[in-house]
């Protein structure tokens, strides 16, 4: 076990992942506290993203695990963050808490990877990576996409603005981690522009469901 941890630590985790996990953990901590004192209703146990118990792994370790084994670029995590915010904006009654965060994360990263990366692992791999069954991974993916209304386009301007938000979070960290890797390449910029100009039907089929 110690050897595995040393090997994992040898692979540097981008500050994008660290800052995003820190931000989300603070949100979850506040929402859990609000539920505990009755300021928020109890989480809906019938919801698709609800876990029966709190996962043993923290959000940070979960995102680090996804980064190390999913082989996706740091940019995917910024896109996943945008997708999460879009989902929550469309569903004001939904709040991130300790019983649903991990399932939202694996679904959001999977959606971001499929939409931004030409080469990626399939749902079976992500299910194993996320600690859930393939059937559940497929269900979460579809539920997340419909929850987004298939609004998957992210323009370079939107990407840049949300990177700025994460950049501010980076500077609020004490002590701050290493340089925040938050960027979009020229190729990704062109890809986003092309997909943004596509019709909703084209966008639907551009997303690879498998």
N, C-alpha and C. Protein backbone atom coordinates (compact mmCIF):
# COMPACT_ATOMS: atom_id res chain seq x y z
N UNK A 1 0.84 -1.21 0.00
CA UNK A 1 0.00 0.00 0.00
C UNK A 1 0.87 1.26 0.00
N UNK A 2 1.92 1.28 0.85
CA UNK A 2 2.79 2.44 0.91
C UNK A 2 3.51 2.66 -0.41
N UNK A 3 3.92 1.55 -1.06
CA UNK A 3 4.60 1.66 -2.33
C UNK A 3 3.69 2.26 -3.39
N UNK A 4 2.40 1.87 -3.37
CA UNK A 4 1.44 2.41 -4.32
C UNK A 4 1.26 3.90 -4.12
N UNK A 5 1.18 4.34 -2.85
CA UNK A 5 1.01 5.76 -2.58
C UNK A 5 2.23 6.55 -3.03
N UNK A 6 3.42 5.99 -2.81
CA UNK A 6 4.63 6.68 -3.24
C UNK A 6 4.64 6.82 -4.75
N UNK A 7 4.21 5.75 -5.46
CA UNK A 7 4.18 5.78 -6.92
C UNK A 7 3.18 6.81 -7.41
N UNK A 8 2.00 6.89 -6.74
CA UNK A 8 0.98 7.85 -7.13
C UNK A 8 1.47 9.27 -6.90
N UNK A 9 2.11 9.50 -5.74
CA UNK A 9 2.57 10.84 -5.42
C UNK A 9 3.65 11.31 -6.37
N UNK A 10 4.33 10.35 -7.00
CA UNK A 10 5.38 10.72 -7.92
C UNK A 10 4.84 11.42 -9.17
N UNK A 11 3.56 11.15 -9.47
CA UNK A 11 2.93 11.80 -10.61
C UNK A 11 2.26 13.08 -10.13
N UNK A 12 2.77 14.21 -10.53
CA UNK A 12 2.26 15.49 -10.05
C UNK A 12 0.82 15.69 -10.48
N UNK A 13 -0.01 16.12 -9.55
CA UNK A 13 -1.41 16.42 -9.84
C UNK A 13 -1.52 17.91 -10.15
N UNK A 14 -2.11 18.30 -11.26
CA UNK A 14 -2.23 19.72 -11.61
C UNK A 14 -2.98 20.49 -10.53
N UNK A 15 -2.59 21.72 -10.34
CA UNK A 15 -3.25 22.55 -9.34
C UNK A 15 -4.71 22.78 -9.68
N UNK A 16 -5.06 22.68 -10.97
CA UNK A 16 -6.46 22.76 -11.37
C UNK A 16 -7.30 21.77 -10.59
N UNK A 17 -6.82 20.53 -10.49
CA UNK A 17 -7.54 19.47 -9.79
C UNK A 17 -7.60 19.77 -8.29
N UNK A 18 -6.49 20.24 -7.72
CA UNK A 18 -6.43 20.52 -6.29
C UNK A 18 -7.35 21.67 -5.90
N UNK A 19 -7.34 22.73 -6.70
CA UNK A 19 -8.17 23.89 -6.40
C UNK A 19 -9.64 23.55 -6.55
N UNK A 20 -9.98 22.81 -7.61
CA UNK A 20 -11.38 22.44 -7.83
C UNK A 20 -11.90 21.56 -6.69
N UNK A 21 -11.10 20.61 -6.26
CA UNK A 21 -11.53 19.74 -5.16
C UNK A 21 -11.70 20.53 -3.87
N UNK A 22 -10.79 21.47 -3.62
CA UNK A 22 -10.88 22.30 -2.42
C UNK A 22 -12.15 23.14 -2.43
N UNK A 23 -12.45 23.73 -3.58
CA UNK A 23 -13.65 24.56 -3.71
C UNK A 23 -14.91 23.72 -3.47
N UNK A 24 -14.98 22.57 -4.10
CA UNK A 24 -16.17 21.72 -3.97
C UNK A 24 -16.32 21.15 -2.56
N UNK A 25 -15.22 20.83 -1.92
CA UNK A 25 -15.29 20.32 -0.55
C UNK A 25 -15.83 21.37 0.40
N UNK A 26 -15.48 22.64 0.17
CA UNK A 26 -16.01 23.71 1.01
C UNK A 26 -17.51 23.88 0.80
N UNK A 27 -17.95 23.77 -0.44
CA UNK A 27 -19.38 23.86 -0.74
C UNK A 27 -20.14 22.74 -0.05
N UNK A 28 -19.62 21.53 -0.17
CA UNK A 28 -20.25 20.36 0.44
C UNK A 28 -20.29 20.49 1.96
N UNK A 29 -19.21 20.98 2.54
CA UNK A 29 -19.16 21.14 3.99
C UNK A 29 -20.24 22.11 4.47
N UNK A 30 -20.42 23.21 3.73
CA UNK A 30 -21.47 24.18 4.10
C UNK A 30 -22.86 23.57 3.95
N UNK A 31 -23.08 22.84 2.86
CA UNK A 31 -24.40 22.25 2.64
C UNK A 31 -24.71 21.16 3.66
N UNK A 32 -23.70 20.36 4.00
CA UNK A 32 -23.90 19.33 5.02
C UNK A 32 -24.25 19.97 6.37
N UNK A 33 -23.58 21.06 6.69
CA UNK A 33 -23.86 21.75 7.95
C UNK A 33 -25.27 22.34 7.94
N UNK A 34 -25.68 22.87 6.79
CA UNK A 34 -27.03 23.45 6.67
C UNK A 34 -28.10 22.38 6.84
N UNK A 35 -27.85 21.18 6.32
CA UNK A 35 -28.79 20.08 6.49
C UNK A 35 -28.85 19.67 7.95
N UNK A 36 -27.70 19.64 8.62
CA UNK A 36 -27.62 19.20 10.01
C UNK A 36 -28.43 20.08 10.95
N UNK A 37 -28.49 21.37 10.65
CA UNK A 37 -29.23 22.29 11.53
C UNK A 37 -30.61 22.63 10.99
N UNK A 38 -31.00 21.96 9.91
CA UNK A 38 -32.35 22.14 9.39
C UNK A 38 -32.54 23.32 8.45
N UNK A 39 -31.45 23.95 8.03
CA UNK A 39 -31.58 25.08 7.10
C UNK A 39 -31.81 24.62 5.66
N UNK A 40 -31.46 23.39 5.39
CA UNK A 40 -31.71 22.77 4.09
C UNK A 40 -32.47 21.48 4.30
N UNK A 41 -33.34 21.11 3.35
CA UNK A 41 -34.05 19.83 3.49
C UNK A 41 -33.09 18.66 3.35
N UNK A 42 -33.48 17.52 3.91
CA UNK A 42 -32.65 16.34 3.79
C UNK A 42 -32.51 15.96 2.32
N UNK A 43 -31.35 15.45 1.94
CA UNK A 43 -31.15 15.03 0.54
C UNK A 43 -32.17 13.98 0.13
N UNK A 44 -32.60 14.07 -1.11
CA UNK A 44 -33.57 13.12 -1.65
C UNK A 44 -32.89 11.79 -1.93
N UNK A 45 -33.24 10.77 -1.15
CA UNK A 45 -32.58 9.47 -1.28
C UNK A 45 -32.98 8.74 -2.56
N UNK A 46 -33.99 9.22 -3.26
CA UNK A 46 -34.41 8.58 -4.50
C UNK A 46 -33.69 9.19 -5.71
N UNK A 47 -32.94 10.28 -5.50
CA UNK A 47 -32.26 10.95 -6.60
C UNK A 47 -31.19 10.04 -7.20
N UNK A 48 -30.97 10.21 -8.50
CA UNK A 48 -30.05 9.34 -9.22
C UNK A 48 -28.63 9.42 -8.67
N UNK A 49 -28.22 10.58 -8.19
CA UNK A 49 -26.82 10.77 -7.78
C UNK A 49 -26.61 10.52 -6.28
N UNK A 50 -27.63 10.08 -5.61
CA UNK A 50 -27.53 9.92 -4.15
C UNK A 50 -26.87 8.59 -3.78
N UNK A 51 -25.91 8.64 -2.86
CA UNK A 51 -25.29 7.44 -2.32
C UNK A 51 -25.98 7.06 -1.02
N UNK A 52 -25.98 5.78 -0.71
CA UNK A 52 -26.62 5.34 0.53
C UNK A 52 -25.78 5.71 1.75
N UNK A 53 -24.48 5.91 1.54
CA UNK A 53 -23.61 6.33 2.64
C UNK A 53 -22.50 7.20 2.08
N UNK A 54 -21.87 7.95 2.96
CA UNK A 54 -20.78 8.83 2.55
C UNK A 54 -19.59 8.00 2.09
N UNK A 55 -19.03 8.28 0.92
CA UNK A 55 -17.86 7.53 0.44
C UNK A 55 -16.67 7.67 1.38
N UNK A 56 -15.86 6.63 1.43
CA UNK A 56 -14.69 6.65 2.29
C UNK A 56 -13.58 7.55 1.74
N UNK A 57 -13.59 7.80 0.44
CA UNK A 57 -12.54 8.58 -0.20
C UNK A 57 -12.99 10.05 -0.29
N UNK A 58 -12.07 10.96 -0.03
CA UNK A 58 -12.40 12.39 -0.10
C UNK A 58 -12.54 12.83 -1.55
N UNK A 59 -13.15 13.99 -1.75
CA UNK A 59 -13.32 14.52 -3.10
C UNK A 59 -11.95 14.76 -3.75
N UNK A 60 -11.00 15.23 -2.97
CA UNK A 60 -9.67 15.48 -3.51
C UNK A 60 -9.02 14.20 -3.99
N UNK A 61 -9.04 13.16 -3.16
CA UNK A 61 -8.42 11.90 -3.55
C UNK A 61 -9.17 11.27 -4.72
N UNK A 62 -10.47 11.49 -4.77
CA UNK A 62 -11.28 10.96 -5.86
C UNK A 62 -10.90 11.61 -7.18
N UNK A 63 -10.77 12.94 -7.19
CA UNK A 63 -10.38 13.64 -8.40
C UNK A 63 -8.93 13.31 -8.78
N UNK A 64 -8.07 13.16 -7.80
CA UNK A 64 -6.69 12.78 -8.09
C UNK A 64 -6.65 11.39 -8.73
N UNK A 65 -7.47 10.50 -8.23
CA UNK A 65 -7.53 9.15 -8.80
C UNK A 65 -8.00 9.20 -10.26
N UNK A 66 -9.04 9.99 -10.52
CA UNK A 66 -9.53 10.13 -11.89
C UNK A 66 -8.45 10.70 -12.79
N UNK A 67 -7.74 11.72 -12.29
CA UNK A 67 -6.68 12.34 -13.10
C UNK A 67 -5.59 11.34 -13.44
N UNK A 68 -5.16 10.57 -12.44
CA UNK A 68 -4.03 9.67 -12.65
C UNK A 68 -4.34 8.55 -13.63
N UNK A 69 -5.59 8.10 -13.65
CA UNK A 69 -5.90 6.90 -14.43
C UNK A 69 -6.80 7.15 -15.65
N UNK A 70 -7.44 8.30 -15.72
CA UNK A 70 -8.31 8.58 -16.86
C UNK A 70 -7.55 9.19 -18.03
N UNK A 71 -6.35 9.71 -17.73
CA UNK A 71 -5.48 10.24 -18.79
C UNK A 71 -6.15 11.37 -19.58
N UNK A 72 -6.84 12.26 -18.87
CA UNK A 72 -7.45 13.42 -19.55
C UNK A 72 -6.71 14.68 -19.12
N UNK A 73 -6.79 15.70 -19.96
CA UNK A 73 -6.04 16.93 -19.72
C UNK A 73 -6.67 17.75 -18.59
N UNK A 74 -5.89 18.64 -17.95
CA UNK A 74 -6.44 19.52 -16.91
C UNK A 74 -7.62 20.35 -17.40
N UNK A 75 -7.65 20.66 -18.70
CA UNK A 75 -8.76 21.46 -19.24
C UNK A 75 -10.10 20.78 -19.02
N UNK A 76 -10.11 19.44 -19.01
CA UNK A 76 -11.37 18.71 -18.82
C UNK A 76 -12.01 19.03 -17.48
N UNK A 77 -11.18 19.31 -16.48
CA UNK A 77 -11.72 19.57 -15.15
C UNK A 77 -12.39 20.95 -15.08
N UNK A 78 -11.88 21.89 -15.84
CA UNK A 78 -12.54 23.19 -15.92
C UNK A 78 -13.89 23.05 -16.62
N UNK A 79 -13.93 22.25 -17.68
CA UNK A 79 -15.18 22.01 -18.40
C UNK A 79 -16.16 21.25 -17.50
N UNK A 80 -15.67 20.26 -16.75
CA UNK A 80 -16.53 19.54 -15.82
C UNK A 80 -17.13 20.47 -14.78
N UNK A 81 -16.33 21.43 -14.30
CA UNK A 81 -16.80 22.42 -13.33
C UNK A 81 -17.92 23.27 -13.95
N UNK A 82 -17.76 23.67 -15.19
CA UNK A 82 -18.79 24.44 -15.89
C UNK A 82 -20.07 23.62 -16.01
N UNK A 83 -19.94 22.36 -16.35
CA UNK A 83 -21.10 21.48 -16.47
C UNK A 83 -21.83 21.35 -15.13
N UNK A 84 -21.07 21.20 -14.05
CA UNK A 84 -21.69 21.10 -12.72
C UNK A 84 -22.51 22.34 -12.40
N UNK A 85 -21.92 23.51 -12.66
CA UNK A 85 -22.63 24.76 -12.37
C UNK A 85 -23.87 24.90 -13.25
N UNK A 86 -23.78 24.49 -14.50
CA UNK A 86 -24.95 24.54 -15.39
C UNK A 86 -26.07 23.64 -14.88
N UNK A 87 -25.68 22.44 -14.43
CA UNK A 87 -26.67 21.50 -13.90
C UNK A 87 -27.38 22.10 -12.69
N UNK A 88 -26.59 22.64 -11.77
CA UNK A 88 -27.17 23.21 -10.55
C UNK A 88 -28.03 24.43 -10.85
N UNK A 89 -27.64 25.21 -11.86
CA UNK A 89 -28.42 26.38 -12.25
C UNK A 89 -29.78 25.96 -12.82
N UNK A 90 -29.79 24.87 -13.56
CA UNK A 90 -31.04 24.39 -14.15
C UNK A 90 -31.92 23.69 -13.13
N UNK A 91 -31.34 23.27 -12.01
CA UNK A 91 -32.09 22.53 -10.99
C UNK A 91 -31.79 23.14 -9.62
N UNK A 92 -32.42 24.28 -9.31
CA UNK A 92 -32.12 25.01 -8.06
C UNK A 92 -32.35 24.20 -6.80
N UNK A 93 -33.23 23.19 -6.87
CA UNK A 93 -33.51 22.39 -5.68
C UNK A 93 -32.40 21.41 -5.36
N UNK A 94 -31.50 21.19 -6.31
CA UNK A 94 -30.40 20.25 -6.11
C UNK A 94 -29.21 20.98 -5.47
N UNK A 95 -28.62 20.36 -4.48
CA UNK A 95 -27.43 20.92 -3.84
C UNK A 95 -26.37 19.83 -3.72
N UNK A 96 -25.12 20.22 -3.85
CA UNK A 96 -24.03 19.26 -3.68
C UNK A 96 -23.84 18.99 -2.19
N UNK A 97 -23.76 17.71 -1.84
CA UNK A 97 -23.51 17.32 -0.46
C UNK A 97 -22.66 16.06 -0.46
N UNK A 98 -22.33 15.59 0.71
CA UNK A 98 -21.37 14.49 0.81
C UNK A 98 -21.90 13.17 0.25
N UNK A 99 -23.21 13.07 0.05
CA UNK A 99 -23.79 11.84 -0.46
C UNK A 99 -23.97 11.82 -1.98
N UNK A 100 -23.74 12.96 -2.63
CA UNK A 100 -23.92 12.97 -4.09
C UNK A 100 -22.72 13.54 -4.86
N UNK A 101 -21.77 14.17 -4.18
CA UNK A 101 -20.67 14.85 -4.86
C UNK A 101 -19.88 13.91 -5.77
N UNK A 102 -19.51 12.74 -5.28
CA UNK A 102 -18.65 11.85 -6.05
C UNK A 102 -19.33 11.38 -7.34
N UNK A 103 -20.62 11.09 -7.26
CA UNK A 103 -21.32 10.66 -8.47
C UNK A 103 -21.47 11.81 -9.46
N UNK A 104 -21.68 13.01 -8.97
CA UNK A 104 -21.72 14.18 -9.86
C UNK A 104 -20.35 14.37 -10.51
N UNK A 105 -19.28 14.18 -9.75
CA UNK A 105 -17.94 14.39 -10.29
C UNK A 105 -17.62 13.40 -11.41
N UNK A 106 -17.88 12.12 -11.20
CA UNK A 106 -17.54 11.13 -12.21
C UNK A 106 -18.38 11.34 -13.47
N UNK A 107 -19.65 11.75 -13.29
CA UNK A 107 -20.51 12.01 -14.45
C UNK A 107 -20.06 13.26 -15.20
N UNK A 108 -19.69 14.29 -14.46
CA UNK A 108 -19.27 15.55 -15.09
C UNK A 108 -17.96 15.38 -15.83
N UNK A 109 -17.01 14.68 -15.22
CA UNK A 109 -15.71 14.47 -15.87
C UNK A 109 -15.89 13.59 -17.11
N UNK A 110 -16.71 12.56 -17.01
CA UNK A 110 -16.95 11.70 -18.17
C UNK A 110 -17.54 12.50 -19.32
N UNK A 111 -18.52 13.36 -19.02
CA UNK A 111 -19.12 14.19 -20.06
C UNK A 111 -18.10 15.13 -20.67
N UNK A 112 -17.27 15.74 -19.82
CA UNK A 112 -16.26 16.68 -20.30
C UNK A 112 -15.21 15.98 -21.17
N UNK A 113 -14.80 14.79 -20.74
CA UNK A 113 -13.80 14.04 -21.50
C UNK A 113 -14.34 13.67 -22.87
N UNK A 114 -15.56 13.18 -22.92
CA UNK A 114 -16.14 12.76 -24.20
C UNK A 114 -16.34 13.93 -25.16
N UNK A 115 -16.63 15.10 -24.60
CA UNK A 115 -16.91 16.23 -25.47
C UNK A 115 -15.66 16.97 -25.90
N UNK A 116 -14.59 16.86 -25.14
CA UNK A 116 -13.40 17.65 -25.44
C UNK A 116 -12.22 16.82 -25.95
N UNK A 117 -12.20 15.52 -25.65
CA UNK A 117 -11.06 14.69 -26.02
C UNK A 117 -11.43 13.77 -27.18
N UNK A 118 -10.54 13.64 -28.15
CA UNK A 118 -10.76 12.74 -29.27
C UNK A 118 -10.56 11.28 -28.88
N UNK A 119 -9.65 11.05 -27.96
CA UNK A 119 -9.37 9.69 -27.50
C UNK A 119 -9.61 9.63 -25.99
N UNK A 120 -10.39 8.65 -25.55
CA UNK A 120 -10.72 8.56 -24.12
C UNK A 120 -11.13 7.13 -23.81
N UNK A 121 -11.16 6.81 -22.52
CA UNK A 121 -11.61 5.50 -22.08
C UNK A 121 -13.13 5.41 -22.14
N UNK A 122 -13.64 4.17 -22.19
CA UNK A 122 -15.08 3.98 -22.30
C UNK A 122 -15.76 4.00 -20.93
N UNK A 123 -17.08 3.83 -20.95
CA UNK A 123 -17.86 3.91 -19.71
C UNK A 123 -17.51 2.82 -18.72
N UNK A 124 -17.17 1.63 -19.24
CA UNK A 124 -16.80 0.53 -18.34
C UNK A 124 -15.55 0.88 -17.53
N UNK A 125 -14.60 1.53 -18.18
CA UNK A 125 -13.38 1.93 -17.49
C UNK A 125 -13.69 3.00 -16.44
N UNK A 126 -14.50 3.99 -16.81
CA UNK A 126 -14.85 5.05 -15.86
C UNK A 126 -15.67 4.52 -14.70
N UNK A 127 -16.50 3.51 -14.96
CA UNK A 127 -17.27 2.90 -13.88
C UNK A 127 -16.35 2.26 -12.85
N UNK A 128 -15.37 1.51 -13.35
CA UNK A 128 -14.39 0.87 -12.46
C UNK A 128 -13.58 1.92 -11.72
N UNK A 129 -13.20 2.97 -12.43
CA UNK A 129 -12.43 4.05 -11.83
C UNK A 129 -13.22 4.77 -10.74
N UNK A 130 -14.52 4.95 -10.99
CA UNK A 130 -15.37 5.66 -10.03
C UNK A 130 -15.93 4.81 -8.92
N UNK A 131 -15.70 3.49 -8.98
CA UNK A 131 -16.17 2.61 -7.92
C UNK A 131 -17.65 2.30 -7.99
N UNK A 132 -18.21 2.32 -9.22
CA UNK A 132 -19.62 2.01 -9.40
C UNK A 132 -19.75 0.98 -10.52
N UNK A 133 -20.97 0.45 -10.70
CA UNK A 133 -21.20 -0.52 -11.75
C UNK A 133 -21.35 0.18 -13.10
N UNK A 134 -21.17 -0.58 -14.17
CA UNK A 134 -21.34 -0.02 -15.51
C UNK A 134 -22.77 0.44 -15.73
N UNK A 135 -23.73 -0.32 -15.24
CA UNK A 135 -25.14 0.07 -15.38
C UNK A 135 -25.39 1.42 -14.71
N UNK A 136 -24.83 1.59 -13.52
CA UNK A 136 -25.01 2.86 -12.80
C UNK A 136 -24.29 4.00 -13.52
N UNK A 137 -23.09 3.72 -14.05
CA UNK A 137 -22.36 4.75 -14.79
C UNK A 137 -23.15 5.21 -16.01
N UNK A 138 -23.71 4.26 -16.74
CA UNK A 138 -24.52 4.62 -17.91
C UNK A 138 -25.75 5.44 -17.51
N UNK A 139 -26.37 5.04 -16.41
CA UNK A 139 -27.56 5.75 -15.92
C UNK A 139 -27.21 7.17 -15.48
N UNK A 140 -26.12 7.32 -14.76
CA UNK A 140 -25.69 8.64 -14.31
C UNK A 140 -25.35 9.54 -15.49
N UNK A 141 -24.70 8.97 -16.49
CA UNK A 141 -24.33 9.75 -17.67
C UNK A 141 -25.56 10.31 -18.37
N UNK A 142 -26.55 9.44 -18.62
CA UNK A 142 -27.77 9.88 -19.31
C UNK A 142 -28.53 10.90 -18.46
N UNK A 143 -28.63 10.64 -17.16
CA UNK A 143 -29.35 11.56 -16.27
C UNK A 143 -28.66 12.92 -16.23
N UNK A 144 -27.34 12.90 -16.22
CA UNK A 144 -26.58 14.15 -16.18
C UNK A 144 -26.77 14.93 -17.48
N UNK A 145 -26.73 14.24 -18.61
CA UNK A 145 -26.88 14.90 -19.91
C UNK A 145 -28.26 15.53 -20.05
N UNK A 146 -29.29 14.80 -19.67
CA UNK A 146 -30.63 15.36 -19.74
C UNK A 146 -30.81 16.48 -18.73
N UNK A 147 -30.13 16.35 -17.57
CA UNK A 147 -30.18 17.42 -16.58
C UNK A 147 -29.55 18.70 -17.10
N UNK A 148 -28.56 18.54 -17.98
CA UNK A 148 -27.91 19.70 -18.62
C UNK A 148 -28.71 20.21 -19.82
N UNK A 149 -29.71 19.44 -20.24
CA UNK A 149 -30.41 19.79 -21.47
C UNK A 149 -29.49 19.66 -22.67
N UNK A 150 -28.46 18.80 -22.56
CA UNK A 150 -27.45 18.60 -23.59
C UNK A 150 -26.75 19.92 -23.95
N UNK A 151 -26.68 20.83 -22.99
CA UNK A 151 -25.97 22.10 -23.21
C UNK A 151 -24.49 21.86 -22.90
N UNK A 152 -23.78 21.34 -23.88
CA UNK A 152 -22.40 20.92 -23.67
C UNK A 152 -21.37 21.86 -24.27
N UNK A 153 -21.79 22.77 -25.11
CA UNK A 153 -20.84 23.69 -25.73
C UNK A 153 -20.19 24.61 -24.68
N UNK A 154 -18.90 24.78 -24.80
CA UNK A 154 -18.16 25.72 -23.95
C UNK A 154 -17.29 26.56 -24.87
N UNK A 155 -17.62 27.81 -25.01
CA UNK A 155 -16.82 28.68 -25.88
C UNK A 155 -15.50 29.02 -25.20
N UNK A 156 -14.50 29.42 -25.97
CA UNK A 156 -13.23 29.84 -25.36
C UNK A 156 -13.42 30.97 -24.34
N UNK A 157 -14.35 31.89 -24.61
CA UNK A 157 -14.58 33.00 -23.67
C UNK A 157 -15.13 32.48 -22.35
N UNK A 158 -16.08 31.54 -22.42
CA UNK A 158 -16.64 30.96 -21.20
C UNK A 158 -15.58 30.17 -20.45
N UNK A 159 -14.82 29.39 -21.20
CA UNK A 159 -13.74 28.62 -20.59
C UNK A 159 -12.78 29.54 -19.84
N UNK A 160 -12.39 30.63 -20.49
CA UNK A 160 -11.43 31.56 -19.89
C UNK A 160 -12.00 32.21 -18.63
N UNK A 161 -13.29 32.56 -18.65
CA UNK A 161 -13.89 33.24 -17.50
C UNK A 161 -13.94 32.32 -16.28
N UNK A 162 -14.25 31.05 -16.50
CA UNK A 162 -14.31 30.12 -15.37
C UNK A 162 -12.92 29.73 -14.90
N UNK A 163 -11.96 29.74 -15.81
CA UNK A 163 -10.58 29.54 -15.38
C UNK A 163 -10.15 30.68 -14.46
N UNK A 164 -10.63 31.88 -14.75
CA UNK A 164 -10.31 33.03 -13.91
C UNK A 164 -10.87 32.85 -12.50
N UNK A 165 -12.07 32.26 -12.43
CA UNK A 165 -12.67 31.99 -11.12
C UNK A 165 -11.80 31.02 -10.34
N UNK A 166 -11.36 29.96 -11.01
CA UNK A 166 -10.50 28.98 -10.34
C UNK A 166 -9.14 29.58 -10.01
N UNK A 167 -8.69 30.50 -10.88
CA UNK A 167 -7.42 31.18 -10.62
C UNK A 167 -7.51 32.01 -9.33
N UNK A 168 -8.65 32.68 -9.12
CA UNK A 168 -8.83 33.45 -7.89
C UNK A 168 -8.84 32.52 -6.68
N UNK A 169 -9.49 31.36 -6.83
CA UNK A 169 -9.49 30.39 -5.74
C UNK A 169 -8.07 29.94 -5.42
N UNK A 170 -7.27 29.80 -6.47
CA UNK A 170 -5.87 29.41 -6.30
C UNK A 170 -5.12 30.42 -5.44
N UNK A 171 -5.33 31.72 -5.70
CA UNK A 171 -4.61 32.74 -4.94
C UNK A 171 -5.16 32.91 -3.52
N UNK A 172 -6.38 32.40 -3.27
CA UNK A 172 -6.93 32.46 -1.92
C UNK A 172 -6.42 31.32 -1.05
N UNK A 173 -5.84 30.29 -1.70
CA UNK A 173 -5.30 29.16 -0.95
C UNK A 173 -4.11 29.64 -0.11
N UNK A 174 -3.98 29.11 1.10
CA UNK A 174 -2.86 29.48 1.96
C UNK A 174 -2.30 28.22 2.63
N UNK A 175 -1.07 27.83 2.32
CA UNK A 175 -0.24 28.39 1.25
C UNK A 175 -0.73 27.91 -0.10
N UNK A 176 -0.53 28.68 -1.17
CA UNK A 176 -1.04 28.28 -2.47
C UNK A 176 -0.26 27.11 -3.04
N UNK A 177 -0.92 26.26 -3.85
CA UNK A 177 -0.20 25.19 -4.52
C UNK A 177 0.65 25.74 -5.64
N UNK A 178 1.28 24.85 -6.39
CA UNK A 178 2.09 25.31 -7.51
C UNK A 178 1.22 25.97 -8.57
N UNK A 179 1.83 26.48 -9.62
CA UNK A 179 1.11 27.26 -10.63
C UNK A 179 -0.13 26.54 -11.14
N UNK A 180 -1.23 27.25 -11.22
CA UNK A 180 -2.49 26.68 -11.67
C UNK A 180 -2.45 26.48 -13.17
N UNK A 181 -2.58 25.21 -13.59
CA UNK A 181 -2.58 24.91 -15.01
C UNK A 181 -3.99 25.03 -15.54
N UNK A 182 -4.32 26.16 -16.10
CA UNK A 182 -5.66 26.41 -16.63
C UNK A 182 -5.50 27.13 -17.95
N UNK A 183 -5.67 26.41 -19.01
CA UNK A 183 -5.40 26.99 -20.31
C UNK A 183 -6.22 26.27 -21.36
N UNK A 184 -6.29 26.84 -22.55
CA UNK A 184 -6.93 26.18 -23.67
C UNK A 184 -6.03 26.35 -24.88
N UNK A 185 -5.74 25.26 -25.54
CA UNK A 185 -4.84 25.31 -26.67
C UNK A 185 -5.58 25.83 -27.90
N UNK A 186 -4.82 26.18 -28.93
CA UNK A 186 -5.44 26.68 -30.16
C UNK A 186 -6.35 25.61 -30.76
N UNK A 187 -5.91 24.36 -30.69
CA UNK A 187 -6.72 23.27 -31.24
C UNK A 187 -8.04 23.15 -30.49
N UNK A 188 -7.98 23.23 -29.14
CA UNK A 188 -9.20 23.14 -28.35
C UNK A 188 -10.10 24.34 -28.61
N UNK A 189 -9.51 25.51 -28.79
CA UNK A 189 -10.28 26.71 -29.07
C UNK A 189 -11.05 26.55 -30.37
N UNK A 190 -10.39 26.05 -31.43
CA UNK A 190 -11.06 25.85 -32.70
C UNK A 190 -12.17 24.82 -32.59
N UNK A 191 -11.91 23.77 -31.80
CA UNK A 191 -12.89 22.71 -31.61
C UNK A 191 -14.14 23.27 -30.92
N UNK A 192 -13.93 24.08 -29.88
CA UNK A 192 -15.06 24.67 -29.16
C UNK A 192 -15.87 25.58 -30.07
N UNK A 193 -15.21 26.38 -30.88
CA UNK A 193 -15.90 27.28 -31.77
C UNK A 193 -16.73 26.52 -32.79
N UNK A 194 -16.20 25.42 -33.32
CA UNK A 194 -16.93 24.63 -34.30
C UNK A 194 -18.16 24.00 -33.67
N UNK A 195 -18.01 23.46 -32.47
CA UNK A 195 -19.14 22.80 -31.82
C UNK A 195 -20.18 23.82 -31.37
N UNK A 196 -19.72 25.01 -30.99
CA UNK A 196 -20.65 26.04 -30.56
C UNK A 196 -21.55 26.49 -31.71
N UNK A 197 -21.04 26.44 -32.93
CA UNK A 197 -21.82 26.89 -34.08
C UNK A 197 -22.73 25.79 -34.61
N UNK A 198 -22.61 24.57 -34.09
CA UNK A 198 -23.44 23.47 -34.56
C UNK A 198 -24.86 23.59 -34.02
N UNK A 199 -25.80 22.99 -34.71
CA UNK A 199 -27.19 22.98 -34.23
C UNK A 199 -27.31 22.06 -33.04
N UNK A 200 -28.45 22.14 -32.33
CA UNK A 200 -28.63 21.29 -31.16
C UNK A 200 -28.66 19.82 -31.56
N UNK A 201 -29.21 19.50 -32.74
CA UNK A 201 -29.23 18.12 -33.18
C UNK A 201 -27.82 17.61 -33.45
N UNK A 202 -26.99 18.44 -34.05
CA UNK A 202 -25.62 18.05 -34.32
C UNK A 202 -24.85 17.86 -33.03
N UNK A 203 -25.09 18.75 -32.06
CA UNK A 203 -24.42 18.64 -30.77
C UNK A 203 -24.81 17.34 -30.08
N UNK A 204 -26.08 16.97 -30.19
CA UNK A 204 -26.54 15.73 -29.55
C UNK A 204 -25.76 14.54 -30.08
N UNK A 205 -25.58 14.47 -31.40
CA UNK A 205 -24.90 13.33 -31.98
C UNK A 205 -23.38 13.45 -31.87
N UNK A 206 -22.87 14.65 -31.64
CA UNK A 206 -21.43 14.82 -31.45
C UNK A 206 -20.97 14.17 -30.16
N UNK A 207 -21.88 14.07 -29.19
CA UNK A 207 -21.54 13.46 -27.92
C UNK A 207 -21.58 11.95 -28.08
N UNK A 208 -20.55 11.26 -27.63
CA UNK A 208 -20.42 9.84 -27.87
C UNK A 208 -20.98 9.03 -26.71
N UNK A 209 -22.17 8.50 -26.89
CA UNK A 209 -22.79 7.67 -25.86
C UNK A 209 -22.39 6.21 -26.07
N UNK A 210 -21.56 5.69 -25.18
CA UNK A 210 -21.21 4.28 -25.24
C UNK A 210 -20.58 3.86 -23.92
